[in-house]
N, C-alpha and C. Protein backbone atom coordinates (compact mmCIF):
# COMPACT_ATOMS: atom_id res chain seq x y z
N MET A 1 106.24 76.77 63.73
CA MET A 1 105.31 75.97 62.96
C MET A 1 105.35 74.51 63.42
N SER A 2 106.55 74.02 63.70
CA SER A 2 106.73 72.65 64.16
C SER A 2 106.01 72.42 65.50
N ALA A 3 106.25 73.31 66.44
CA ALA A 3 105.65 73.17 67.77
C ALA A 3 104.13 73.25 67.69
N MET A 4 103.61 74.12 66.84
CA MET A 4 102.16 74.25 66.71
C MET A 4 101.55 72.98 66.12
N SER A 5 102.22 72.40 65.13
CA SER A 5 101.74 71.16 64.52
C SER A 5 101.74 70.03 65.54
N ILE A 6 102.79 69.94 66.34
CA ILE A 6 102.86 68.91 67.38
C ILE A 6 101.79 69.15 68.43
N LEU A 7 101.64 70.39 68.88
CA LEU A 7 100.65 70.72 69.90
C LEU A 7 99.24 70.37 69.45
N VAL A 8 98.87 70.78 68.25
CA VAL A 8 97.52 70.49 67.74
C VAL A 8 97.36 68.99 67.51
N GLY A 9 98.36 68.36 66.90
CA GLY A 9 98.29 66.93 66.64
C GLY A 9 98.14 66.11 67.91
N GLU A 10 98.97 66.41 68.91
CA GLU A 10 98.88 65.70 70.18
C GLU A 10 97.52 65.95 70.83
N GLY A 11 97.04 67.17 70.74
CA GLY A 11 95.72 67.49 71.30
C GLY A 11 94.60 66.70 70.65
N VAL A 12 94.65 66.58 69.33
CA VAL A 12 93.63 65.82 68.60
C VAL A 12 93.70 64.35 68.99
N VAL A 13 94.90 63.79 69.06
CA VAL A 13 95.05 62.37 69.41
C VAL A 13 94.57 62.12 70.83
N VAL A 14 94.99 62.95 71.77
CA VAL A 14 94.59 62.77 73.17
C VAL A 14 93.07 62.92 73.31
N PHE A 15 92.50 63.89 72.63
CA PHE A 15 91.05 64.07 72.68
C PHE A 15 90.34 62.82 72.16
N ALA A 16 90.81 62.28 71.05
CA ALA A 16 90.18 61.08 70.47
C ALA A 16 90.32 59.88 71.41
N GLU A 17 91.51 59.70 71.99
CA GLU A 17 91.73 58.58 72.91
C GLU A 17 90.81 58.66 74.12
N MET A 18 90.80 59.82 74.74
CA MET A 18 90.00 59.96 75.95
C MET A 18 88.50 59.97 75.66
N SER A 19 88.11 60.55 74.54
CA SER A 19 86.70 60.54 74.17
C SER A 19 86.22 59.12 73.92
N ALA A 20 87.04 58.33 73.25
CA ALA A 20 86.69 56.93 72.99
C ALA A 20 86.56 56.17 74.30
N ALA A 21 87.51 56.36 75.20
CA ALA A 21 87.45 55.68 76.50
C ALA A 21 86.21 56.10 77.28
N ASN A 22 85.92 57.39 77.27
CA ASN A 22 84.75 57.89 77.98
C ASN A 22 83.46 57.37 77.35
N GLU A 23 83.41 57.34 76.04
CA GLU A 23 82.22 56.84 75.36
C GLU A 23 81.97 55.37 75.68
N LEU A 24 83.02 54.56 75.69
CA LEU A 24 82.87 53.16 76.06
C LEU A 24 82.42 53.01 77.51
N ARG A 25 82.86 53.93 78.35
CA ARG A 25 82.51 53.88 79.77
C ARG A 25 81.04 54.18 79.99
N ILE A 26 80.48 55.13 79.24
CA ILE A 26 79.12 55.59 79.52
C ILE A 26 78.07 55.05 78.56
N SER A 27 78.46 54.37 77.49
CA SER A 27 77.46 53.91 76.52
C SER A 27 77.50 52.39 76.38
N GLN A 28 76.58 51.89 75.63
CA GLN A 28 76.50 50.45 75.37
C GLN A 28 77.10 50.08 74.02
N LYS A 29 77.86 50.99 73.42
CA LYS A 29 78.44 50.74 72.11
C LYS A 29 79.54 49.69 72.20
N GLU A 30 79.76 49.02 71.08
CA GLU A 30 80.83 48.04 70.97
C GLU A 30 82.16 48.75 70.75
N MET A 31 83.24 48.12 71.18
CA MET A 31 84.56 48.73 71.05
C MET A 31 84.93 48.99 69.59
N LEU A 32 84.61 48.06 68.70
CA LEU A 32 84.95 48.23 67.29
C LEU A 32 84.22 49.43 66.69
N GLU A 33 83.00 49.65 67.09
CA GLU A 33 82.24 50.80 66.60
C GLU A 33 82.87 52.12 67.04
N VAL A 34 83.25 52.19 68.29
CA VAL A 34 83.90 53.40 68.82
C VAL A 34 85.27 53.58 68.17
N PHE A 35 86.01 52.49 68.04
CA PHE A 35 87.33 52.55 67.40
C PHE A 35 87.23 53.11 65.98
N CYS A 36 86.31 52.58 65.20
CA CYS A 36 86.15 53.04 63.81
C CYS A 36 85.71 54.50 63.74
N PHE A 37 84.91 54.93 64.72
CA PHE A 37 84.46 56.32 64.73
C PHE A 37 85.62 57.28 64.97
N TYR A 38 86.53 56.94 65.88
CA TYR A 38 87.63 57.84 66.25
C TYR A 38 88.89 57.65 65.42
N LEU A 39 88.97 56.60 64.63
CA LEU A 39 90.16 56.34 63.83
C LEU A 39 90.53 57.48 62.88
N PRO A 40 89.58 58.08 62.15
CA PRO A 40 89.96 59.21 61.28
C PRO A 40 90.55 60.39 62.05
N LEU A 41 90.01 60.66 63.23
CA LEU A 41 90.51 61.77 64.04
C LEU A 41 91.94 61.48 64.52
N ILE A 42 92.20 60.26 64.95
CA ILE A 42 93.55 59.90 65.39
C ILE A 42 94.52 59.93 64.21
N THR A 43 94.05 59.54 63.04
CA THR A 43 94.91 59.57 61.85
C THR A 43 95.33 61.00 61.52
N ILE A 44 94.39 61.92 61.57
CA ILE A 44 94.70 63.34 61.30
C ILE A 44 95.68 63.86 62.34
N GLY A 45 95.41 63.57 63.62
CA GLY A 45 96.32 64.00 64.68
C GLY A 45 97.71 63.43 64.51
N GLY A 46 97.79 62.15 64.16
CA GLY A 46 99.09 61.50 63.95
C GLY A 46 99.85 62.13 62.80
N MET A 47 99.14 62.47 61.73
CA MET A 47 99.81 63.12 60.60
C MET A 47 100.37 64.48 60.99
N LEU A 48 99.62 65.22 61.81
CA LEU A 48 100.11 66.52 62.29
C LEU A 48 101.36 66.35 63.16
N VAL A 49 101.37 65.32 63.99
CA VAL A 49 102.54 65.07 64.83
C VAL A 49 103.75 64.71 63.97
N ILE A 50 103.55 63.89 62.95
CA ILE A 50 104.66 63.52 62.05
C ILE A 50 105.20 64.77 61.35
N VAL A 51 104.32 65.61 60.85
CA VAL A 51 104.77 66.84 60.20
C VAL A 51 105.55 67.71 61.18
N GLY A 52 105.06 67.80 62.41
CA GLY A 52 105.75 68.58 63.43
C GLY A 52 107.13 68.05 63.74
N TYR A 53 107.26 66.73 63.83
CA TYR A 53 108.57 66.13 64.08
C TYR A 53 109.53 66.39 62.92
N VAL A 54 109.04 66.21 61.70
CA VAL A 54 109.92 66.43 60.53
C VAL A 54 110.39 67.88 60.49
N LEU A 55 109.46 68.81 60.64
CA LEU A 55 109.83 70.23 60.63
C LEU A 55 110.74 70.58 61.81
N GLY A 56 110.45 69.97 62.97
CA GLY A 56 111.24 70.25 64.16
C GLY A 56 112.68 69.77 64.06
N VAL A 57 112.85 68.57 63.54
CA VAL A 57 114.22 68.05 63.40
C VAL A 57 114.98 68.87 62.37
N LYS A 58 114.30 69.26 61.29
CA LYS A 58 114.97 70.11 60.29
C LYS A 58 115.31 71.47 60.89
N GLY A 59 114.41 72.03 61.69
CA GLY A 59 114.62 73.36 62.25
C GLY A 59 115.58 73.39 63.41
N PHE A 60 115.40 72.47 64.37
CA PHE A 60 116.25 72.45 65.56
C PHE A 60 117.55 71.69 65.34
N GLY A 61 117.53 70.73 64.43
CA GLY A 61 118.69 69.90 64.20
C GLY A 61 118.92 68.88 65.30
N ASN A 62 117.92 68.72 66.18
CA ASN A 62 118.07 67.83 67.32
C ASN A 62 116.70 67.23 67.64
N VAL A 63 116.59 65.92 67.61
CA VAL A 63 115.31 65.27 67.86
C VAL A 63 114.86 65.43 69.31
N TRP A 64 115.81 65.57 70.23
CA TRP A 64 115.43 65.62 71.64
C TRP A 64 114.68 66.90 71.99
N ASP A 65 114.99 67.99 71.34
CA ASP A 65 114.21 69.22 71.55
C ASP A 65 112.77 69.02 71.09
N VAL A 66 112.61 68.30 70.00
CA VAL A 66 111.27 68.03 69.47
C VAL A 66 110.51 67.08 70.40
N VAL A 67 111.21 66.10 70.96
CA VAL A 67 110.58 65.18 71.91
C VAL A 67 110.07 65.95 73.13
N VAL A 68 110.87 66.88 73.62
CA VAL A 68 110.45 67.67 74.78
C VAL A 68 109.22 68.51 74.45
N VAL A 69 109.17 69.08 73.26
CA VAL A 69 107.98 69.84 72.85
C VAL A 69 106.76 68.93 72.82
N SER A 70 106.94 67.73 72.31
CA SER A 70 105.83 66.77 72.24
C SER A 70 105.35 66.36 73.64
N VAL A 71 106.27 66.01 74.51
CA VAL A 71 105.91 65.60 75.86
C VAL A 71 105.29 66.77 76.63
N ALA A 72 105.87 67.95 76.49
CA ALA A 72 105.34 69.13 77.19
C ALA A 72 103.92 69.44 76.70
N SER A 73 103.67 69.30 75.41
CA SER A 73 102.32 69.58 74.91
C SER A 73 101.32 68.60 75.50
N MET A 74 101.72 67.34 75.63
CA MET A 74 100.82 66.37 76.26
C MET A 74 100.62 66.69 77.75
N LEU A 75 101.67 67.17 78.41
CA LEU A 75 101.54 67.51 79.82
C LEU A 75 100.54 68.64 80.05
N PHE A 76 100.45 69.55 79.10
CA PHE A 76 99.50 70.65 79.24
C PHE A 76 98.09 70.26 78.80
N ILE A 77 98.01 69.48 77.74
CA ILE A 77 96.71 69.17 77.14
C ILE A 77 95.97 68.06 77.88
N GLU A 78 96.67 66.99 78.22
CA GLU A 78 96.00 65.81 78.80
C GLU A 78 95.23 66.10 80.08
N PRO A 79 95.78 66.82 81.05
CA PRO A 79 94.99 67.07 82.26
C PRO A 79 93.71 67.87 81.99
N VAL A 80 93.79 68.81 81.07
CA VAL A 80 92.60 69.61 80.74
C VAL A 80 91.52 68.74 80.12
N ILE A 81 91.92 67.92 79.15
CA ILE A 81 90.94 67.05 78.49
C ILE A 81 90.42 66.00 79.46
N ALA A 82 91.30 65.43 80.28
CA ALA A 82 90.87 64.41 81.24
C ALA A 82 89.84 64.99 82.21
N TYR A 83 90.11 66.18 82.72
CA TYR A 83 89.15 66.77 83.65
C TYR A 83 87.84 67.11 82.96
N SER A 84 87.91 67.67 81.75
CA SER A 84 86.68 68.08 81.08
C SER A 84 85.81 66.88 80.67
N LEU A 85 86.41 65.74 80.38
CA LEU A 85 85.62 64.56 80.00
C LEU A 85 85.19 63.72 81.20
N PHE A 86 86.09 63.52 82.17
CA PHE A 86 85.81 62.61 83.26
C PHE A 86 85.41 63.31 84.56
N ARG A 87 85.63 64.61 84.66
CA ARG A 87 85.27 65.42 85.84
C ARG A 87 85.86 64.87 87.14
N THR A 88 87.11 64.43 87.08
CA THR A 88 87.80 63.99 88.28
C THR A 88 89.16 64.67 88.34
N LEU A 89 89.62 64.89 89.54
CA LEU A 89 90.95 65.48 89.76
C LEU A 89 91.95 64.36 89.98
N PRO A 90 93.23 64.62 89.69
CA PRO A 90 94.24 63.57 89.91
C PRO A 90 94.43 63.30 91.39
N GLU A 91 94.78 62.06 91.69
CA GLU A 91 95.12 61.71 93.07
C GLU A 91 96.52 62.21 93.37
N PHE A 92 96.95 62.10 94.61
CA PHE A 92 98.21 62.69 95.05
C PHE A 92 99.40 62.21 94.22
N GLY A 93 99.53 60.92 94.00
CA GLY A 93 100.67 60.38 93.26
C GLY A 93 100.70 60.89 91.83
N ALA A 94 99.55 60.94 91.18
CA ALA A 94 99.49 61.44 89.80
C ALA A 94 99.84 62.93 89.76
N LEU A 95 99.39 63.67 90.75
CA LEU A 95 99.70 65.10 90.81
C LEU A 95 101.20 65.34 90.99
N VAL A 96 101.83 64.57 91.87
CA VAL A 96 103.28 64.69 92.08
C VAL A 96 104.01 64.34 90.79
N GLY A 97 103.58 63.27 90.12
CA GLY A 97 104.19 62.88 88.86
C GLY A 97 104.08 63.95 87.80
N MET A 98 102.91 64.58 87.70
CA MET A 98 102.74 65.66 86.72
C MET A 98 103.63 66.85 87.03
N ILE A 99 103.72 67.22 88.29
CA ILE A 99 104.56 68.35 88.68
C ILE A 99 106.03 68.06 88.35
N MET A 100 106.48 66.85 88.63
CA MET A 100 107.87 66.50 88.32
C MET A 100 108.10 66.47 86.81
N SER A 101 107.10 66.02 86.05
CA SER A 101 107.22 66.01 84.59
C SER A 101 107.32 67.43 84.04
N PHE A 102 106.49 68.33 84.57
CA PHE A 102 106.57 69.74 84.16
C PHE A 102 107.96 70.29 84.43
N ALA A 103 108.46 70.03 85.63
CA ALA A 103 109.78 70.55 86.01
C ALA A 103 110.86 70.00 85.09
N GLY A 104 110.81 68.73 84.78
CA GLY A 104 111.81 68.12 83.90
C GLY A 104 111.77 68.71 82.50
N CYS A 105 110.58 68.94 81.96
CA CYS A 105 110.46 69.53 80.62
C CYS A 105 110.98 70.96 80.61
N PHE A 106 110.61 71.74 81.61
CA PHE A 106 111.08 73.12 81.65
C PHE A 106 112.59 73.19 81.79
N TYR A 107 113.16 72.32 82.62
CA TYR A 107 114.61 72.31 82.80
C TYR A 107 115.31 71.93 81.50
N THR A 108 114.76 70.95 80.78
CA THR A 108 115.37 70.52 79.52
C THR A 108 115.34 71.65 78.50
N LEU A 109 114.22 72.34 78.38
CA LEU A 109 114.12 73.45 77.43
C LEU A 109 115.02 74.61 77.85
N LYS A 110 115.18 74.82 79.15
CA LYS A 110 116.01 75.91 79.66
C LYS A 110 117.49 75.67 79.33
N GLU A 111 117.92 74.42 79.36
CA GLU A 111 119.32 74.09 79.13
C GLU A 111 119.77 74.36 77.69
N ASP A 112 118.87 74.29 76.74
CA ASP A 112 119.25 74.49 75.34
C ASP A 112 119.21 75.94 75.06
């Protein structure tokens, strides 16, 4: 339940962040207007992440396992959302960084 709450919450927050950035990039809207539009979505996502952390620390007894779940969920969600909104692939350095991040998260989860 904790991991699902974190996964959905992080997904909602990342979607709102990237959608706002993309909207500012392609439209003539003011930043405050876009910010106010996406604020409720980020608030909901943030609340889900908080619930996930609380449940995770109670369940795992270790905050670092919960941090890894949070980072890993962003590693899976962010590239998908970035590509679907911006239609660009990562450059070489970003790709290497993502691969190393994936490896680090998997190794951390494997050790516990």
